[in-house]
Structure formats: structure tokens, C-alpha cells
Amino acid sequence: MTRIQLVCTDLDGVLLTSAGGLSHDTRKALADARAAGLQVMVATGRPTRDALDWALEAGLRGLLACSNGAVIWDTRTERVLFDHCFTADQLRQVFVWAERSVRGGVLGLDTEHELVLQPGFADLVPDCWPHTVSADLIGRATRGNRAVKVLLAHPELSAPQLADAFAGEAVTGLRATFSTAHFLEISPEHANKGEALRWAAAHRRIPLTATAAVGDMPNDLPMLREAGLPAAVANAHPEVKAAARILLPSNDDDGVASLIHAILR
């Protein structure tokens, strides 16, 4: 514990409570970490336009990995340090696979500046986020608005079932994961939270053995596998608990705060 220099934590379901906010104890733990020089990095599936605003409001000063690690920001300078977006060929490959192999599926495209959903996608996702509706998703991805993630929802198939279908096709150069049961998230294979943690540790000149990672869903597994100390909150998916070395209290019981305080002690 005393050797940990960087804590990488997921946001929803981990750092945030079920109500979507930071508890008093978690805010205090983040402040204590800053004062002690312990670095805290958030790695989230949320896009930059959402995650960056939240991080600045919450007073998080440091590295922020968005869209499952596709983009890494320095919140102090509000500058992108690293990004791994889709190429045009990769994007077409995903759409061809989805149209051929997942009949009835509905796609969404998360870009640097907007979320674009095909008609019907929002009906399959409770409390869907602000978005633009368009049937021409590929046309929305341009040089100045690159795609960072493709979403796939289906009226009958859950995200784990869609993930199995994707794995069975062995689509090269791409990776699929999920952070909710409602839709699949597809990214370039190196755009994941594990690669983000590895890059951040090298950038900060911190050995991976001196990092900790906390997650709750399968999209957090890559960073748990990279971290020196992998941890899961009590409300985590069974696969995430199995990959963790320690089990923390739930997100509603300040699990990340308890880890930070244990490290500082």
C-alpha cells in the first residue's frame, strides 16, 4: 500500500455514488490525496465533453482518460495528451460486421464533439444522454470530429450477448466491452483503460507496480490487469471481483475513499 503513487479509478458505480455525485468522504479523500502528493486519475467510458466538465467541477486536477481510454486529458492545462481514434477503415469494418451479423441492431457513434444515434437507439437505453439522431453515422465522423467509440444496442440481445457475438467473429484491430447491460461499446483495440493506465504511468514516470486501479464493470478489466494493485468495489460485476486482489466497500460506502486513506496511512 505505501508504495502506491497513482490510483486509477472508474467514475460511475465506483467513485460516484448511485445518485451520481461525490460523497463528502470521497471529496475529502481526493483533497487529502492532492495534499499528500498521491496522484488520482479517473478512467471512464464517458466522452470528453461530459467527463471533462465533471472533473473540473469536482476539482480533479491531473490526468483524465475518457471514452474507455481513447482520449487522455491533462485537466490542469485542459489539453489532450494522447488519443487513439478510429480510422475510416476501422469504422467501416464495424458497420459492416454489425449489419451482417447483428440483424435488428441499432448503432450509435461517439465522436470528439457529439453523440450521434441511429433512429430507435434511444428507445433501447433508459435515461439516454443528449444526442443527435442521424441514419448516416459514418458521414458525421470527419477530420475535425473523429470517432472514438461505436455503440450497439439490440431490442432482444443484452450487452454480454452482443459481446459474445463480437468475440465469435474475431474482428481484427478492434475491441468490444460494456459498462451497462443495455449496449455494447466497440473501440480500436489499443483504446482501453489498461493502455491508458500504462501510458499515464510512463508519462508520470511511475512503475506499474506502484499503481492501483479500482473498477466495477468489464470495461475496467484491462486497467485492473495492468495495475500493481487491482481492486473492485463491492457492487462490481463478478468478473471484475475475480480479477481484483482486494475487495473494497461499495461506491455508496466510499470504497475509493477507503483505499486512498489506507494508502496514505
Protein backbone atom coordinates (compact mmCIF):
# COMPACT_ATOMS: atom_id res chain seq x y z
CA MET A 1 0.00 0.00 0.00
CA THR A 2 2.70 2.50 0.96
CA ARG A 3 4.40 2.10 -2.43
CA ILE A 4 1.30 3.17 -4.41
CA GLN A 5 1.88 6.51 -6.18
CA LEU A 6 -1.04 6.54 -8.65
CA VAL A 7 -4.66 5.46 -8.16
CA CYS A 8 -6.70 4.97 -11.35
CA THR A 9 -10.44 4.79 -10.71
CA ASP A 10 -13.57 4.38 -12.77
CA LEU A 11 -16.23 7.03 -12.33
CA ASP A 12 -19.81 5.76 -12.48
CA GLY A 13 -20.53 2.98 -10.00
CA VAL A 14 -17.12 3.41 -8.37
CA LEU A 15 -16.04 6.95 -7.48
CA LEU A 16 -19.57 8.36 -7.75
CA THR A 17 -22.49 7.25 -5.59
CA SER A 18 -25.54 5.62 -7.10
CA ALA A 19 -27.15 9.07 -7.07
CA GLY A 20 -24.38 10.27 -9.39
CA GLY A 21 -22.48 12.55 -7.03
CA LEU A 22 -19.34 12.66 -4.92
CA SER A 23 -19.90 11.95 -1.24
CA HIS A 24 -18.38 14.19 1.44
CA ASP A 25 -15.90 11.46 2.44
CA THR A 26 -14.80 10.91 -1.15
CA ARG A 27 -14.28 14.65 -1.72
CA LYS A 28 -12.17 14.77 1.44
CA ALA A 29 -10.15 11.72 0.35
CA LEU A 30 -9.40 13.33 -3.02
CA ALA A 31 -8.30 16.52 -1.26
CA ASP A 32 -6.12 14.51 1.15
CA ALA A 33 -4.55 12.69 -1.80
CA ARG A 34 -3.70 16.00 -3.50
CA ALA A 35 -2.17 17.36 -0.31
CA ALA A 36 -0.06 14.22 0.15
CA GLY A 37 1.12 14.05 -3.47
CA LEU A 38 -0.80 10.86 -4.25
CA GLN A 39 -1.96 11.08 -7.87
CA VAL A 40 -5.56 10.12 -8.69
CA MET A 41 -6.56 9.50 -12.30
CA VAL A 42 -10.13 8.91 -13.48
CA ALA A 43 -10.66 6.49 -16.37
CA THR A 44 -14.24 6.49 -17.61
CA GLY A 45 -16.35 5.37 -20.51
CA ARG A 46 -17.88 8.84 -20.60
CA PRO A 47 -16.94 11.11 -23.53
CA THR A 48 -14.68 14.11 -23.05
CA ARG A 49 -17.50 16.66 -23.35
CA ASP A 50 -19.13 15.13 -20.26
CA ALA A 51 -16.18 13.85 -18.23
CA LEU A 52 -14.01 16.98 -18.52
CA ASP A 53 -16.76 19.28 -17.28
CA TRP A 54 -17.38 16.94 -14.36
CA ALA A 55 -13.67 16.69 -13.48
CA LEU A 56 -13.21 20.46 -13.46
CA GLU A 57 -16.34 20.96 -11.33
CA ALA A 58 -15.17 18.27 -8.90
CA GLY A 59 -11.75 19.87 -8.56
CA LEU A 60 -9.92 16.90 -10.07
CA ARG A 61 -6.50 18.13 -11.18
CA GLY A 62 -4.49 15.62 -13.15
CA LEU A 63 -4.98 13.00 -15.82
CA LEU A 64 -8.42 12.04 -17.12
CA ALA A 65 -8.99 9.15 -19.52
CA CYS A 66 -12.27 9.40 -21.47
CA SER A 67 -14.20 7.08 -23.82
CA ASN A 68 -12.63 3.98 -22.24
CA GLY A 69 -9.11 5.37 -22.69
CA ALA A 70 -9.40 6.64 -26.25
CA VAL A 71 -8.54 10.19 -25.12
CA ILE A 72 -6.36 11.31 -22.20
CA TRP A 73 -6.57 14.88 -20.93
CA ASP A 74 -4.50 16.92 -18.53
CA THR A 75 -7.23 18.75 -16.61
CA ARG A 76 -4.75 21.35 -15.34
CA THR A 77 -3.99 22.60 -18.84
CA GLU A 78 -7.23 21.35 -20.47
CA ARG A 79 -5.08 19.81 -23.18
CA VAL A 80 -5.24 16.42 -24.90
CA LEU A 81 -2.06 14.42 -24.22
CA PHE A 82 -2.97 11.21 -26.05
CA ASP A 83 -5.72 9.93 -28.32
CA HIS A 84 -6.50 6.75 -30.19
CA CYS A 85 -9.47 7.25 -32.53
CA PHE A 86 -10.99 5.11 -35.27
CA THR A 87 -9.51 5.13 -38.74
CA ALA A 88 -12.01 5.33 -41.61
CA ASP A 89 -11.34 1.67 -42.47
CA GLN A 90 -11.91 0.51 -38.89
CA LEU A 91 -15.17 2.41 -38.72
CA ARG A 92 -16.43 0.82 -41.92
CA GLN A 93 -15.35 -2.60 -40.61
CA VAL A 94 -17.52 -2.20 -37.51
CA PHE A 95 -20.57 -1.14 -39.51
CA VAL A 96 -20.18 -4.00 -41.99
CA TRP A 97 -19.89 -6.51 -39.14
CA ALA A 98 -22.93 -5.11 -37.32
CA GLU A 99 -25.13 -5.07 -40.41
CA ARG A 100 -24.11 -8.61 -41.39
CA SER A 101 -24.02 -10.32 -38.00
CA VAL A 102 -26.47 -8.50 -35.72
CA ARG A 103 -29.74 -8.15 -37.56
CA GLY A 104 -32.04 -5.69 -35.80
CA GLY A 105 -29.17 -3.92 -34.06
CA VAL A 106 -29.10 -0.14 -33.77
CA LEU A 107 -25.83 1.81 -33.81
CA GLY A 108 -24.50 4.94 -32.17
CA LEU A 109 -21.32 6.90 -32.81
CA ASP A 110 -19.46 8.76 -30.10
CA THR A 111 -17.21 11.41 -31.63
CA GLU A 112 -14.92 14.06 -30.18
CA HIS A 113 -17.72 16.63 -30.19
CA GLU A 114 -21.09 14.86 -30.29
CA LEU A 115 -23.06 11.68 -29.76
CA VAL A 116 -24.96 10.59 -32.87
CA LEU A 117 -27.53 7.78 -32.67
CA GLN A 118 -29.47 5.96 -35.33
CA PRO A 119 -33.27 6.24 -35.04
CA GLY A 120 -34.55 3.89 -32.33
CA PHE A 121 -31.33 3.63 -30.30
CA ALA A 122 -32.52 5.97 -27.54
CA ASP A 123 -35.65 3.83 -27.08
CA LEU A 124 -33.45 0.90 -26.02
CA VAL A 125 -31.39 2.79 -23.40
CA PRO A 126 -33.02 4.15 -20.22
CA ASP A 127 -32.27 7.82 -19.50
CA CYS A 128 -30.42 8.23 -22.78
CA TRP A 129 -27.98 11.14 -22.97
CA PRO A 130 -28.33 14.28 -25.13
CA HIS A 131 -27.67 13.31 -28.73
CA THR A 132 -28.26 13.94 -32.41
CA VAL A 133 -30.34 11.48 -34.45
CA SER A 134 -29.00 10.52 -37.87
CA ALA A 135 -29.02 7.46 -40.10
CA ASP A 136 -25.67 8.47 -41.63
CA LEU A 137 -23.25 7.89 -38.78
CA ILE A 138 -20.10 7.49 -40.85
CA GLY A 139 -20.79 10.82 -42.52
CA ARG A 140 -20.68 12.53 -39.10
CA ALA A 141 -17.09 11.37 -38.47
CA THR A 142 -14.80 13.88 -40.14
CA ARG A 143 -11.22 15.06 -39.69
CA GLY A 144 -12.32 17.61 -37.11
CA ASN A 145 -14.81 15.31 -35.40
CA ARG A 146 -13.18 11.92 -35.16
CA ALA A 147 -14.95 8.81 -33.86
CA VAL A 148 -13.79 7.42 -30.51
CA LYS A 149 -16.40 4.73 -29.86
CA VAL A 150 -19.20 2.83 -31.62
CA LEU A 151 -22.25 1.76 -29.61
CA LEU A 152 -24.52 -1.16 -30.48
CA ALA A 153 -27.91 -1.85 -28.91
CA HIS A 154 -30.45 -4.52 -29.72
CA PRO A 155 -34.12 -4.93 -28.71
CA GLU A 156 -33.59 -8.58 -27.69
CA LEU A 157 -29.87 -9.10 -27.07
CA SER A 158 -28.07 -7.84 -23.96
CA ALA A 159 -24.60 -6.33 -23.99
CA PRO A 160 -22.96 -9.61 -22.81
CA GLN A 161 -24.71 -11.47 -25.65
CA LEU A 162 -23.56 -8.86 -28.15
CA ALA A 163 -20.03 -9.15 -26.76
CA ASP A 164 -20.12 -12.91 -27.34
CA ALA A 165 -21.25 -12.35 -30.93
CA PHE A 166 -18.43 -9.88 -31.49
CA ALA A 167 -15.82 -12.22 -29.98
CA GLY A 168 -17.04 -15.05 -32.19
CA GLU A 169 -16.32 -13.01 -35.32
CA ALA A 170 -12.71 -12.24 -34.30
CA VAL A 171 -12.84 -8.74 -35.78
CA THR A 172 -9.20 -7.69 -36.05
CA GLY A 173 -7.83 -4.44 -34.62
CA LEU A 174 -10.93 -3.75 -32.55
CA ARG A 175 -12.09 -4.45 -29.00
CA ALA A 176 -15.60 -4.75 -27.56
CA THR A 177 -16.64 -4.28 -23.95
CA PHE A 178 -19.59 -2.99 -21.94
CA SER A 179 -20.27 -0.90 -18.85
CA THR A 180 -24.03 -1.49 -18.82
CA ALA A 181 -26.29 -4.32 -19.92
CA HIS A 182 -28.03 -2.10 -22.49
CA PHE A 183 -25.39 -1.72 -25.20
CA LEU A 184 -22.01 -2.85 -26.48
CA GLU A 185 -19.05 -0.46 -26.75
CA ILE A 186 -16.58 -1.02 -29.62
CA SER A 187 -13.22 0.78 -29.85
CA PRO A 188 -9.83 0.40 -31.54
CA GLU A 189 -8.05 -2.38 -29.62
CA HIS A 190 -5.48 -0.05 -28.05
CA ALA A 191 -8.14 2.38 -26.85
CA ASN A 192 -8.83 0.80 -23.47
CA LYS A 193 -8.35 1.67 -19.83
CA GLY A 194 -5.38 -0.66 -19.46
CA GLU A 195 -3.43 1.08 -22.21
CA ALA A 196 -4.45 4.43 -20.68
CA LEU A 197 -3.06 3.40 -17.29
CA ARG A 198 0.13 2.09 -18.86
CA TRP A 199 0.59 5.37 -20.80
CA ALA A 200 -0.17 7.51 -17.76
CA ALA A 201 2.29 5.63 -15.56
CA ALA A 202 5.04 6.02 -18.15
CA HIS A 203 4.15 9.70 -18.62
CA ARG A 204 4.40 10.29 -14.86
CA ARG A 205 7.48 8.03 -14.58
CA ILE A 206 5.73 5.73 -12.15
CA PRO A 207 6.28 1.95 -12.32
CA LEU A 208 3.11 -0.05 -12.90
CA THR A 209 3.83 -1.91 -9.67
CA ALA A 210 3.23 1.40 -7.88
CA THR A 211 -0.27 1.85 -9.35
CA ALA A 212 -3.70 0.82 -8.09
CA ALA A 213 -6.87 0.52 -10.16
CA VAL A 214 -10.49 0.35 -9.00
CA GLY A 215 -13.38 -0.79 -11.18
CA ASP A 216 -16.83 -2.32 -11.28
CA MET A 217 -17.61 -3.40 -14.86
CA PRO A 218 -15.92 -5.43 -17.64
CA ASN A 219 -14.64 -2.28 -19.38
CA ASP A 220 -12.44 -1.82 -16.28
CA LEU A 221 -10.75 -5.22 -16.60
CA PRO A 222 -7.84 -4.03 -18.80
CA MET A 223 -6.70 -1.50 -16.20
CA LEU A 224 -7.06 -3.99 -13.34
CA ARG A 225 -4.83 -6.39 -15.25
CA GLU A 226 -2.17 -3.69 -15.70
CA ALA A 227 -2.22 -2.27 -12.17
CA GLY A 228 0.12 -3.35 -9.40
CA LEU A 229 -2.86 -3.39 -7.02
CA PRO A 230 -6.17 -4.30 -8.72
CA ALA A 231 -9.27 -3.57 -6.63
CA ALA A 232 -13.03 -3.87 -7.05
CA VAL A 233 -15.90 -2.24 -5.23
CA ALA A 234 -18.44 -4.50 -3.51
CA ASN A 235 -21.09 -3.69 -6.16
CA ALA A 236 -18.79 -4.83 -9.01
CA HIS A 237 -19.55 -7.34 -11.77
CA PRO A 238 -18.41 -10.91 -10.83
CA GLU A 239 -15.66 -10.87 -13.50
CA VAL A 240 -14.22 -7.70 -12.01
CA LYS A 241 -14.28 -9.10 -8.48
CA ALA A 242 -12.46 -12.20 -9.74
CA ALA A 243 -9.72 -10.03 -11.29
CA ALA A 244 -9.21 -7.96 -8.12
CA ARG A 245 -6.71 -8.59 -5.36
CA ILE A 246 -8.72 -6.64 -2.80
CA LEU A 247 -12.45 -6.00 -2.42
CA LEU A 248 -13.47 -2.52 -1.27
CA PRO A 249 -16.75 -1.26 0.15
CA SER A 250 -19.37 -0.30 -2.45
CA ASN A 251 -19.50 3.03 -4.25
CA ASP A 252 -22.24 4.12 -1.84
CA ASP A 253 -19.97 3.24 1.10
CA ASP A 254 -16.96 5.25 -0.12
CA GLY A 255 -14.89 2.35 -1.41
CA VAL A 256 -12.34 4.51 -3.27
CA ALA A 257 -12.03 6.83 -0.29
CA SER A 258 -11.22 3.86 1.94
CA LEU A 259 -8.46 2.79 -0.46
CA ILE A 260 -6.96 6.29 -0.61
CA HIS A 261 -6.93 6.60 3.16
CA ALA A 262 -5.35 3.15 3.52
CA ILE A 263 -2.59 4.17 1.10
CA LEU A 264 -1.99 7.45 2.91
CA ARG A 265 -1.82 5.69 6.28
